Amino acid sequence: MISRDETAQQNQDKIVIYTRNTSWTQPEGYRIHRDVQVLKDKCERAGYQVSRVYWEPSSESHGKRRNVLKRILEDAAKGLFGVVVVWDVFTLSPDGEELQQIERELVVFGVELCSATEYFDVSTVEGMKVFEYMCKLLNTKHLSLSAMQGIPLSQVARWLIEDENKKGGENDAKPCATAKRPA
């Protein structure tokens, strides 16, 4: 008999796709079919097995967990797959805090979150920082500005991190030895 742990280990290489319409204004199925086909093709070309597609026809009210999202988290807890692939991160949630919570839940179950349009690797310190910035940006004008320009949100996050590193924190500021206080 195969144990639950052995089954989970066998399923770690399996990939699932999650997609949904991200706007009430989109007709039902508007993006879903395209997303699924493109994501399946990308995964299969890379040699991965797509074991299941989770999809929701439309957005539901903010703050309410969607049934399919609940099911994907339940299946992750059972160890049925090792990777969740989305088109972009806000497919899972338009709210940065909720997105971070979803990612943390997936990590607890040993499941990696991947995006076809956003590169981040939360297994590294730098990647986690990029992901955190992306989540912060979800609730700002940067999301719509980057989307209009075709710039991945992960790239905007990296630019902000670089800018922050160039400026340094306020604790890094040191007065100039020759600076004089105005009279």
N, C-alpha and C. Protein backbone atom coordinates (compact mmCIF):
# COMPACT_ATOMS: atom_id res chain seq x y z
N MET A 1 0.84 -1.18 0.00
CA MET A 1 0.00 0.00 0.00
C MET A 1 0.89 1.25 0.00
N ILE A 2 0.51 2.24 -0.79
CA ILE A 2 1.27 3.49 -0.89
C ILE A 2 0.78 4.44 0.19
N SER A 3 1.72 5.00 0.94
CA SER A 3 1.35 5.93 2.02
C SER A 3 1.02 7.30 1.44
N ARG A 4 0.39 8.13 2.27
CA ARG A 4 0.05 9.50 1.85
C ARG A 4 1.30 10.28 1.48
N ASP A 5 2.39 10.09 2.26
CA ASP A 5 3.64 10.79 1.98
C ASP A 5 4.23 10.38 0.64
N GLU A 6 4.15 9.07 0.32
CA GLU A 6 4.66 8.60 -0.97
C GLU A 6 3.84 9.17 -2.12
N THR A 7 2.53 9.23 -1.94
CA THR A 7 1.64 9.80 -2.96
C THR A 7 1.97 11.28 -3.15
N ALA A 8 2.15 12.01 -2.05
CA ALA A 8 2.49 13.43 -2.14
C ALA A 8 3.82 13.62 -2.87
N GLN A 9 4.81 12.76 -2.58
CA GLN A 9 6.11 12.85 -3.24
C GLN A 9 5.97 12.63 -4.75
N GLN A 10 5.13 11.67 -5.14
CA GLN A 10 4.92 11.39 -6.57
C GLN A 10 4.25 12.57 -7.26
N ASN A 11 3.46 13.32 -6.54
CA ASN A 11 2.69 14.42 -7.13
C ASN A 11 3.42 15.76 -7.10
N GLN A 12 4.61 15.82 -6.52
CA GLN A 12 5.33 17.09 -6.42
C GLN A 12 5.69 17.66 -7.78
N ASP A 13 5.88 16.80 -8.78
CA ASP A 13 6.22 17.29 -10.11
C ASP A 13 4.99 17.66 -10.92
N LYS A 14 3.82 17.35 -10.41
CA LYS A 14 2.60 17.66 -11.15
C LYS A 14 2.26 19.13 -11.00
N ILE A 15 1.72 19.66 -12.07
CA ILE A 15 1.37 21.07 -12.13
C ILE A 15 -0.12 21.20 -12.34
N VAL A 16 -0.70 22.19 -11.67
CA VAL A 16 -2.09 22.55 -11.91
C VAL A 16 -2.13 24.00 -12.38
N ILE A 17 -3.17 24.31 -13.10
CA ILE A 17 -3.38 25.67 -13.60
C ILE A 17 -4.58 26.24 -12.89
N TYR A 18 -4.47 27.50 -12.48
CA TYR A 18 -5.62 28.20 -11.90
C TYR A 18 -5.85 29.47 -12.72
N THR A 19 -7.10 29.68 -13.11
CA THR A 19 -7.43 30.90 -13.83
C THR A 19 -8.88 31.29 -13.53
N ARG A 20 -9.16 32.54 -13.77
CA ARG A 20 -10.53 33.05 -13.61
C ARG A 20 -10.64 34.36 -14.36
N ASN A 21 -11.87 34.76 -14.65
CA ASN A 21 -12.07 36.10 -15.17
C ASN A 21 -11.74 37.05 -14.03
N THR A 22 -11.02 38.10 -14.32
CA THR A 22 -10.61 39.02 -13.26
C THR A 22 -11.43 40.29 -13.22
N SER A 23 -12.52 40.32 -13.97
CA SER A 23 -13.35 41.52 -13.97
C SER A 23 -14.80 41.14 -14.24
N TRP A 24 -15.70 41.84 -13.58
CA TRP A 24 -17.12 41.63 -13.82
C TRP A 24 -17.51 42.04 -15.23
N THR A 25 -16.71 42.92 -15.83
CA THR A 25 -17.07 43.42 -17.16
C THR A 25 -16.69 42.45 -18.27
N GLN A 26 -15.87 41.45 -17.97
CA GLN A 26 -15.50 40.48 -18.99
C GLN A 26 -16.63 39.47 -19.16
N PRO A 27 -16.93 39.10 -20.38
CA PRO A 27 -17.93 38.04 -20.57
C PRO A 27 -17.41 36.73 -19.97
N GLU A 28 -18.32 35.87 -19.55
CA GLU A 28 -17.92 34.60 -18.93
C GLU A 28 -17.02 33.82 -19.89
N GLY A 29 -15.89 33.36 -19.37
CA GLY A 29 -14.96 32.59 -20.17
C GLY A 29 -14.05 33.40 -21.06
N TYR A 30 -14.13 34.73 -20.97
CA TYR A 30 -13.36 35.62 -21.84
C TYR A 30 -11.87 35.26 -21.88
N ARG A 31 -11.23 35.21 -20.74
CA ARG A 31 -9.80 34.93 -20.66
C ARG A 31 -9.50 33.47 -20.39
N ILE A 32 -10.44 32.79 -19.81
CA ILE A 32 -10.17 31.45 -19.29
C ILE A 32 -9.65 30.51 -20.38
N HIS A 33 -10.34 30.43 -21.49
CA HIS A 33 -9.93 29.50 -22.54
C HIS A 33 -8.53 29.81 -23.05
N ARG A 34 -8.26 31.08 -23.31
CA ARG A 34 -6.94 31.49 -23.80
C ARG A 34 -5.86 31.19 -22.77
N ASP A 35 -6.11 31.56 -21.51
CA ASP A 35 -5.13 31.32 -20.45
C ASP A 35 -4.80 29.85 -20.33
N VAL A 36 -5.83 29.01 -20.31
CA VAL A 36 -5.61 27.58 -20.14
C VAL A 36 -4.78 27.02 -21.29
N GLN A 37 -5.13 27.37 -22.52
CA GLN A 37 -4.40 26.85 -23.68
C GLN A 37 -2.94 27.29 -23.67
N VAL A 38 -2.70 28.58 -23.43
CA VAL A 38 -1.33 29.09 -23.43
C VAL A 38 -0.52 28.47 -22.28
N LEU A 39 -1.11 28.41 -21.10
CA LEU A 39 -0.40 27.85 -19.95
C LEU A 39 -0.11 26.36 -20.14
N LYS A 40 -1.09 25.61 -20.64
CA LYS A 40 -0.86 24.18 -20.90
C LYS A 40 0.28 23.99 -21.90
N ASP A 41 0.24 24.76 -22.98
CA ASP A 41 1.29 24.66 -24.00
C ASP A 41 2.67 24.95 -23.40
N LYS A 42 2.78 26.03 -22.61
CA LYS A 42 4.06 26.38 -21.99
C LYS A 42 4.56 25.26 -21.08
N CYS A 43 3.67 24.73 -20.25
CA CYS A 43 4.05 23.67 -19.32
C CYS A 43 4.49 22.41 -20.06
N GLU A 44 3.71 22.02 -21.05
CA GLU A 44 4.02 20.79 -21.78
C GLU A 44 5.30 20.93 -22.60
N ARG A 45 5.55 22.09 -23.18
CA ARG A 45 6.80 22.31 -23.92
C ARG A 45 8.00 22.21 -22.99
N ALA A 46 7.80 22.62 -21.73
CA ALA A 46 8.89 22.55 -20.75
C ALA A 46 9.01 21.14 -20.14
N GLY A 47 8.12 20.22 -20.54
CA GLY A 47 8.20 18.84 -20.08
C GLY A 47 7.44 18.53 -18.81
N TYR A 48 6.52 19.41 -18.43
CA TYR A 48 5.74 19.19 -17.21
C TYR A 48 4.36 18.64 -17.54
N GLN A 49 3.83 17.86 -16.61
CA GLN A 49 2.50 17.28 -16.75
C GLN A 49 1.49 18.18 -16.05
N VAL A 50 0.50 18.66 -16.79
CA VAL A 50 -0.58 19.43 -16.19
C VAL A 50 -1.63 18.42 -15.74
N SER A 51 -1.79 18.29 -14.43
CA SER A 51 -2.69 17.26 -13.93
C SER A 51 -4.14 17.74 -13.79
N ARG A 52 -4.33 19.05 -13.68
CA ARG A 52 -5.69 19.55 -13.51
C ARG A 52 -5.74 21.04 -13.80
N VAL A 53 -6.89 21.49 -14.25
CA VAL A 53 -7.13 22.92 -14.46
C VAL A 53 -8.26 23.34 -13.53
N TYR A 54 -7.98 24.34 -12.71
CA TYR A 54 -8.98 24.93 -11.83
C TYR A 54 -9.37 26.26 -12.45
N TRP A 55 -10.66 26.50 -12.64
CA TRP A 55 -11.08 27.77 -13.23
C TRP A 55 -12.39 28.24 -12.62
N GLU A 56 -12.50 29.54 -12.58
CA GLU A 56 -13.73 30.17 -12.09
C GLU A 56 -14.21 31.13 -13.16
N PRO A 57 -15.50 31.11 -13.44
CA PRO A 57 -16.01 31.91 -14.55
C PRO A 57 -16.00 33.41 -14.31
N SER A 58 -16.04 33.86 -13.06
CA SER A 58 -16.05 35.30 -12.84
C SER A 58 -15.54 35.62 -11.44
N SER A 59 -15.26 36.90 -11.26
CA SER A 59 -14.84 37.37 -9.95
C SER A 59 -16.04 37.37 -9.02
N GLU A 60 -15.78 37.17 -7.76
CA GLU A 60 -16.83 37.29 -6.76
C GLU A 60 -16.47 38.45 -5.85
N SER A 61 -17.35 38.73 -4.93
CA SER A 61 -17.15 39.90 -4.08
C SER A 61 -15.82 39.84 -3.33
N HIS A 62 -15.20 41.00 -3.21
CA HIS A 62 -13.91 41.14 -2.54
C HIS A 62 -14.02 40.65 -1.10
N GLY A 63 -12.99 39.98 -0.63
CA GLY A 63 -12.97 39.51 0.75
C GLY A 63 -13.65 38.17 0.94
N LYS A 64 -14.29 37.65 -0.08
CA LYS A 64 -14.97 36.35 0.01
C LYS A 64 -14.15 35.33 -0.77
N ARG A 65 -13.67 34.32 -0.11
CA ARG A 65 -12.89 33.29 -0.80
C ARG A 65 -13.77 32.55 -1.79
N ARG A 66 -13.25 32.39 -2.96
CA ARG A 66 -13.97 31.70 -4.01
C ARG A 66 -13.91 30.20 -3.80
N ASN A 67 -14.96 29.49 -4.20
CA ASN A 67 -15.04 28.05 -3.99
C ASN A 67 -13.92 27.28 -4.66
N VAL A 68 -13.57 27.64 -5.88
CA VAL A 68 -12.51 26.92 -6.59
C VAL A 68 -11.16 27.20 -5.93
N LEU A 69 -10.95 28.41 -5.47
CA LEU A 69 -9.71 28.72 -4.75
C LEU A 69 -9.64 27.90 -3.46
N LYS A 70 -10.75 27.77 -2.77
CA LYS A 70 -10.78 26.92 -1.57
C LYS A 70 -10.41 25.49 -1.92
N ARG A 71 -10.97 25.00 -3.02
CA ARG A 71 -10.70 23.61 -3.44
C ARG A 71 -9.23 23.41 -3.79
N ILE A 72 -8.63 24.39 -4.47
CA ILE A 72 -7.21 24.25 -4.82
C ILE A 72 -6.35 24.19 -3.56
N LEU A 73 -6.69 24.98 -2.55
CA LEU A 73 -5.93 24.94 -1.29
C LEU A 73 -6.15 23.62 -0.56
N GLU A 74 -7.36 23.08 -0.62
CA GLU A 74 -7.63 21.77 -0.01
C GLU A 74 -6.84 20.68 -0.71
N ASP A 75 -6.81 20.72 -2.05
CA ASP A 75 -6.05 19.72 -2.81
C ASP A 75 -4.55 19.88 -2.59
N ALA A 76 -4.09 21.11 -2.40
CA ALA A 76 -2.68 21.35 -2.08
C ALA A 76 -2.34 20.70 -0.74
N ALA A 77 -3.25 20.82 0.22
CA ALA A 77 -3.04 20.22 1.54
C ALA A 77 -2.97 18.70 1.45
N LYS A 78 -3.64 18.12 0.47
CA LYS A 78 -3.62 16.66 0.28
C LYS A 78 -2.37 16.21 -0.48
N GLY A 79 -1.58 17.16 -0.97
CA GLY A 79 -0.36 16.83 -1.69
C GLY A 79 -0.59 16.33 -3.11
N LEU A 80 -1.67 16.79 -3.74
CA LEU A 80 -2.02 16.30 -5.07
C LEU A 80 -1.18 16.90 -6.20
N PHE A 81 -0.43 17.97 -5.91
CA PHE A 81 0.40 18.62 -6.92
C PHE A 81 1.49 19.42 -6.22
N GLY A 82 2.47 19.84 -7.01
CA GLY A 82 3.60 20.57 -6.44
C GLY A 82 3.73 22.00 -6.91
N VAL A 83 2.99 22.37 -7.98
CA VAL A 83 3.11 23.71 -8.54
C VAL A 83 1.74 24.19 -9.00
N VAL A 84 1.44 25.46 -8.70
CA VAL A 84 0.26 26.14 -9.22
C VAL A 84 0.75 27.20 -10.19
N VAL A 85 0.27 27.13 -11.44
CA VAL A 85 0.65 28.10 -12.45
C VAL A 85 -0.54 29.01 -12.73
N VAL A 86 -0.29 30.31 -12.72
CA VAL A 86 -1.31 31.31 -13.03
C VAL A 86 -0.80 32.19 -14.17
N TRP A 87 -1.71 32.89 -14.82
CA TRP A 87 -1.30 33.82 -15.88
C TRP A 87 -0.52 34.97 -15.25
N ASP A 88 -1.12 35.62 -14.27
CA ASP A 88 -0.47 36.67 -13.50
C ASP A 88 -0.93 36.55 -12.06
N VAL A 89 -0.18 37.16 -11.15
CA VAL A 89 -0.46 36.94 -9.73
C VAL A 89 -1.83 37.43 -9.29
N PHE A 90 -2.34 38.50 -9.93
CA PHE A 90 -3.63 39.00 -9.47
C PHE A 90 -4.78 38.13 -9.96
N THR A 91 -4.48 37.06 -10.70
CA THR A 91 -5.50 36.07 -11.01
C THR A 91 -5.96 35.41 -9.71
N LEU A 92 -5.02 35.15 -8.81
CA LEU A 92 -5.37 34.55 -7.52
C LEU A 92 -6.12 35.52 -6.64
N SER A 93 -5.67 36.76 -6.60
CA SER A 93 -6.33 37.77 -5.79
C SER A 93 -5.85 39.16 -6.20
N PRO A 94 -6.78 40.11 -6.29
CA PRO A 94 -6.37 41.48 -6.58
C PRO A 94 -5.87 42.21 -5.33
N ASP A 95 -5.97 41.56 -4.19
CA ASP A 95 -5.57 42.15 -2.91
C ASP A 95 -4.22 41.58 -2.50
N GLY A 96 -3.25 42.45 -2.30
CA GLY A 96 -1.90 42.03 -1.97
C GLY A 96 -1.79 41.21 -0.70
N GLU A 97 -2.51 41.62 0.34
CA GLU A 97 -2.45 40.87 1.60
C GLU A 97 -3.02 39.47 1.44
N GLU A 98 -4.15 39.36 0.73
CA GLU A 98 -4.74 38.04 0.51
C GLU A 98 -3.82 37.18 -0.35
N LEU A 99 -3.18 37.78 -1.34
CA LEU A 99 -2.26 37.05 -2.20
C LEU A 99 -1.09 36.49 -1.38
N GLN A 100 -0.55 37.29 -0.47
CA GLN A 100 0.52 36.80 0.38
C GLN A 100 0.05 35.65 1.26
N GLN A 101 -1.18 35.74 1.75
CA GLN A 101 -1.74 34.67 2.59
C GLN A 101 -1.88 33.38 1.77
N ILE A 102 -2.36 33.49 0.54
CA ILE A 102 -2.51 32.32 -0.33
C ILE A 102 -1.13 31.69 -0.58
N GLU A 103 -0.14 32.53 -0.89
CA GLU A 103 1.21 32.02 -1.15
C GLU A 103 1.76 31.32 0.08
N ARG A 104 1.55 31.89 1.27
CA ARG A 104 2.03 31.26 2.51
C ARG A 104 1.35 29.92 2.73
N GLU A 105 0.03 29.84 2.46
CA GLU A 105 -0.68 28.56 2.61
C GLU A 105 -0.11 27.52 1.66
N LEU A 106 0.15 27.91 0.42
CA LEU A 106 0.71 26.96 -0.55
C LEU A 106 2.09 26.48 -0.10
N VAL A 107 2.92 27.38 0.43
CA VAL A 107 4.26 27.01 0.90
C VAL A 107 4.17 25.99 2.02
N VAL A 108 3.22 26.17 2.93
CA VAL A 108 3.05 25.23 4.03
C VAL A 108 2.82 23.81 3.49
N PHE A 109 2.14 23.72 2.36
CA PHE A 109 1.83 22.42 1.76
C PHE A 109 2.91 21.97 0.76
N GLY A 110 4.00 22.74 0.67
CA GLY A 110 5.08 22.38 -0.24
C GLY A 110 4.77 22.65 -1.70
N VAL A 111 3.88 23.60 -1.95
CA VAL A 111 3.46 23.92 -3.32
C VAL A 111 4.04 25.27 -3.73
N GLU A 112 4.62 25.29 -4.92
CA GLU A 112 5.22 26.50 -5.47
C GLU A 112 4.20 27.25 -6.32
N LEU A 113 4.22 28.57 -6.24
CA LEU A 113 3.36 29.43 -7.06
C LEU A 113 4.21 30.01 -8.18
N CYS A 114 3.75 29.84 -9.43
CA CYS A 114 4.46 30.37 -10.60
C CYS A 114 3.50 31.17 -11.46
N SER A 115 4.03 32.19 -12.11
CA SER A 115 3.24 33.03 -13.01
C SER A 115 3.87 33.01 -14.39
N ALA A 116 3.03 32.97 -15.41
CA ALA A 116 3.52 32.98 -16.79
C ALA A 116 4.06 34.35 -17.19
N THR A 117 3.56 35.40 -16.56
CA THR A 117 3.95 36.76 -16.96
C THR A 117 4.81 37.49 -15.94
N GLU A 118 4.93 36.96 -14.76
CA GLU A 118 5.69 37.60 -13.69
C GLU A 118 6.74 36.63 -13.18
N TYR A 119 8.00 37.05 -13.16
CA TYR A 119 9.02 36.16 -12.62
C TYR A 119 9.33 36.55 -11.17
N PHE A 120 9.21 35.59 -10.29
CA PHE A 120 9.62 35.74 -8.90
C PHE A 120 9.92 34.35 -8.37
N ASP A 121 10.85 34.26 -7.46
CA ASP A 121 11.24 32.98 -6.87
C ASP A 121 11.25 33.17 -5.36
N VAL A 122 10.16 32.79 -4.71
CA VAL A 122 10.03 33.04 -3.28
C VAL A 122 10.91 32.13 -2.42
N SER A 123 11.71 31.27 -3.07
CA SER A 123 12.64 30.45 -2.30
C SER A 123 13.93 31.20 -1.99
N THR A 124 14.09 32.40 -2.57
CA THR A 124 15.27 33.22 -2.29
C THR A 124 14.84 34.48 -1.56
N VAL A 125 15.78 35.09 -0.84
CA VAL A 125 15.49 36.33 -0.12
C VAL A 125 15.11 37.43 -1.11
N GLU A 126 15.86 37.56 -2.19
CA GLU A 126 15.58 38.58 -3.19
C GLU A 126 14.21 38.34 -3.84
N GLY A 127 13.94 37.09 -4.19
CA GLY A 127 12.66 36.76 -4.81
C GLY A 127 11.48 37.03 -3.88
N MET A 128 11.66 36.75 -2.60
CA MET A 128 10.60 37.01 -1.63
C MET A 128 10.34 38.51 -1.51
N LYS A 129 11.42 39.30 -1.56
CA LYS A 129 11.27 40.75 -1.49
C LYS A 129 10.53 41.27 -2.72
N VAL A 130 10.86 40.73 -3.90
CA VAL A 130 10.16 41.12 -5.13
C VAL A 130 8.68 40.77 -5.01
N PHE A 131 8.39 39.56 -4.53
CA PHE A 131 6.99 39.15 -4.37
C PHE A 131 6.25 40.06 -3.39
N GLU A 132 6.89 40.40 -2.28
CA GLU A 132 6.27 41.29 -1.30
C GLU A 132 5.97 42.66 -1.92
N TYR A 133 6.91 43.18 -2.69
CA TYR A 133 6.68 44.47 -3.36
C TYR A 133 5.54 44.35 -4.37
N MET A 134 5.51 43.25 -5.11
CA MET A 134 4.42 43.04 -6.07
C MET A 134 3.08 43.09 -5.35
N CYS A 135 3.01 42.44 -4.20
CA CYS A 135 1.76 42.42 -3.43
C CYS A 135 1.39 43.82 -2.96
N LYS A 136 2.38 44.60 -2.55
CA LYS A 136 2.12 45.99 -2.14
C LYS A 136 1.63 46.82 -3.32
N LEU A 137 2.19 46.55 -4.50
CA LEU A 137 1.82 47.32 -5.70
C LEU A 137 0.42 47.00 -6.21
N LEU A 138 -0.11 45.85 -5.85
CA LEU A 138 -1.43 45.46 -6.36
C LEU A 138 -2.51 46.49 -6.04
N ASN A 139 -2.38 47.15 -4.90
CA ASN A 139 -3.41 48.09 -4.47
C ASN A 139 -3.06 49.54 -4.80
N THR A 140 -2.16 49.73 -5.75
CA THR A 140 -1.75 51.09 -6.10
C THR A 140 -1.96 51.35 -7.59
N LYS A 141 -1.70 52.56 -7.99
CA LYS A 141 -1.82 52.93 -9.40
C LYS A 141 -0.75 52.27 -10.25
N HIS A 142 0.31 51.77 -9.63
CA HIS A 142 1.39 51.14 -10.39
C HIS A 142 0.88 49.95 -11.21
N LEU A 143 -0.10 49.23 -10.67
CA LEU A 143 -0.62 48.07 -11.37
C LEU A 143 -1.23 48.47 -12.71
N SER A 144 -2.10 49.46 -12.71
CA SER A 144 -2.74 49.87 -13.96
C SER A 144 -1.73 50.53 -14.90
N LEU A 145 -0.79 51.30 -14.34
CA LEU A 145 0.23 51.93 -15.18
C LEU A 145 1.13 50.90 -15.84
N SER A 146 1.57 49.91 -15.07
CA SER A 146 2.45 48.89 -15.65
C SER A 146 1.69 48.04 -16.66
N ALA A 147 0.42 47.75 -16.38
CA ALA A 147 -0.39 46.95 -17.31
C ALA A 147 -0.58 47.69 -18.62
N MET A 148 -0.84 49.00 -18.54
CA MET A 148 -1.03 49.79 -19.76
C MET A 148 0.24 49.82 -20.60
N GLN A 149 1.39 49.81 -19.97
CA GLN A 149 2.67 49.88 -20.68
C GLN A 149 3.20 48.49 -21.04
N GLY A 150 2.51 47.45 -20.56
CA GLY A 150 2.98 46.09 -20.83
C GLY A 150 4.20 45.72 -20.02
N ILE A 151 4.40 46.39 -18.88
CA ILE A 151 5.55 46.13 -18.02
C ILE A 151 5.12 45.15 -16.93
N PRO A 152 5.81 44.04 -16.76
CA PRO A 152 5.45 43.11 -15.69
C PRO A 152 5.55 43.77 -14.32
N LEU A 153 4.62 43.47 -13.46
CA LEU A 153 4.60 44.03 -12.11
C LEU A 153 5.88 43.66 -11.36
N SER A 154 6.42 42.47 -11.63
CA SER A 154 7.67 42.07 -10.98
C SER A 154 8.82 43.01 -11.37
N GLN A 155 8.79 43.51 -12.59
CA GLN A 155 9.84 44.45 -13.02
C GLN A 155 9.69 45.79 -12.29
N VAL A 156 8.46 46.26 -12.14
CA VAL A 156 8.22 47.50 -11.38
C VAL A 156 8.71 47.32 -9.94
N ALA A 157 8.44 46.16 -9.36
CA ALA A 157 8.90 45.87 -8.00
C ALA A 157 10.42 45.91 -7.93
N ARG A 158 11.09 45.32 -8.91
CA ARG A 158 12.56 45.33 -8.92
C ARG A 158 13.10 46.76 -9.03
N TRP A 159 12.47 47.58 -9.88
CA TRP A 159 12.91 48.97 -10.01
C TRP A 159 12.76 49.71 -8.69
N LEU A 160 11.66 49.49 -8.00
CA LEU A 160 11.46 50.15 -6.70
C LEU A 160 12.49 49.70 -5.68
N ILE A 161 12.80 48.41 -5.69
CA ILE A 161 13.81 47.88 -4.77
C ILE A 161 15.18 48.49 -5.09
N GLU A 162 15.53 48.55 -6.39
CA GLU A 162 16.81 49.16 -6.79
C GLU A 162 16.87 50.62 -6.37
N ASP A 163 15.77 51.34 -6.58
CA ASP A 163 15.72 52.75 -6.21
C ASP A 163 15.89 52.92 -4.70
N GLU A 164 15.21 52.06 -3.95
CA GLU A 164 15.31 52.11 -2.49
C GLU A 164 16.75 51.82 -2.05
N ASN A 165 17.39 50.85 -2.71
CA ASN A 165 18.77 50.50 -2.35
C ASN A 165 19.74 51.63 -2.69
N LYS A 166 19.49 52.35 -3.80
CA LYS A 166 20.35 53.47 -4.17
C LYS A 166 20.24 54.60 -3.16
N LYS A 167 19.03 54.87 -2.72
CA LYS A 167 18.80 55.96 -1.77
C LYS A 167 19.27 55.57 -0.39
N GLY A 168 19.16 54.30 -0.06
CA GLY A 168 19.50 53.84 1.28
C GLY A 168 18.38 54.22 2.24
N GLY A 169 18.39 53.58 3.37
CA GLY A 169 17.37 53.88 4.37
C GLY A 169 17.70 55.16 5.10
N GLU A 170 16.76 55.66 5.87
CA GLU A 170 17.00 56.90 6.60
C GLU A 170 18.08 56.72 7.65
N ASN A 171 18.30 55.47 8.10
CA ASN A 171 19.36 55.22 9.08
C ASN A 171 20.74 55.30 8.44
N ASP A 172 20.80 55.21 7.09
CA ASP A 172 22.07 55.29 6.39
C ASP A 172 22.53 56.73 6.19
N ALA A 173 21.64 57.68 6.37
CA ALA A 173 21.98 59.09 6.13
C ALA A 173 22.93 59.59 7.22
N LYS A 174 24.01 60.23 6.77
CA LYS A 174 24.99 60.77 7.71
C LYS A 174 25.22 62.23 7.36
N PRO A 175 25.32 63.06 8.35
CA PRO A 175 25.56 64.47 8.05
C PRO A 175 26.96 64.66 7.48
N CYS A 176 27.08 65.61 6.60
CA CYS A 176 28.36 65.95 6.00
C CYS A 176 29.19 66.66 7.07
N ALA A 177 30.47 66.36 7.13
CA ALA A 177 31.35 66.93 8.16
C ALA A 177 31.42 68.45 8.02
N THR A 178 31.23 68.98 6.82
CA THR A 178 31.35 70.43 6.62
C THR A 178 29.99 71.11 6.62
N ALA A 179 28.94 70.35 6.83
CA ALA A 179 27.59 70.96 6.80
C ALA A 179 27.42 71.90 7.98
N LYS A 180 26.79 73.02 7.72
CA LYS A 180 26.53 73.99 8.79
C LYS A 180 25.04 74.22 8.86
N ARG A 181 24.58 74.38 10.05
CA ARG A 181 23.16 74.65 10.28
C ARG A 181 22.89 76.10 9.91
N PRO A 182 21.77 76.33 9.17
CA PRO A 182 21.45 77.72 8.81
C PRO A 182 21.17 78.55 10.06
N ALA A 183 21.50 79.83 9.99
CA ALA A 183 21.31 80.74 11.13
C ALA A 183 19.87 81.05 11.37
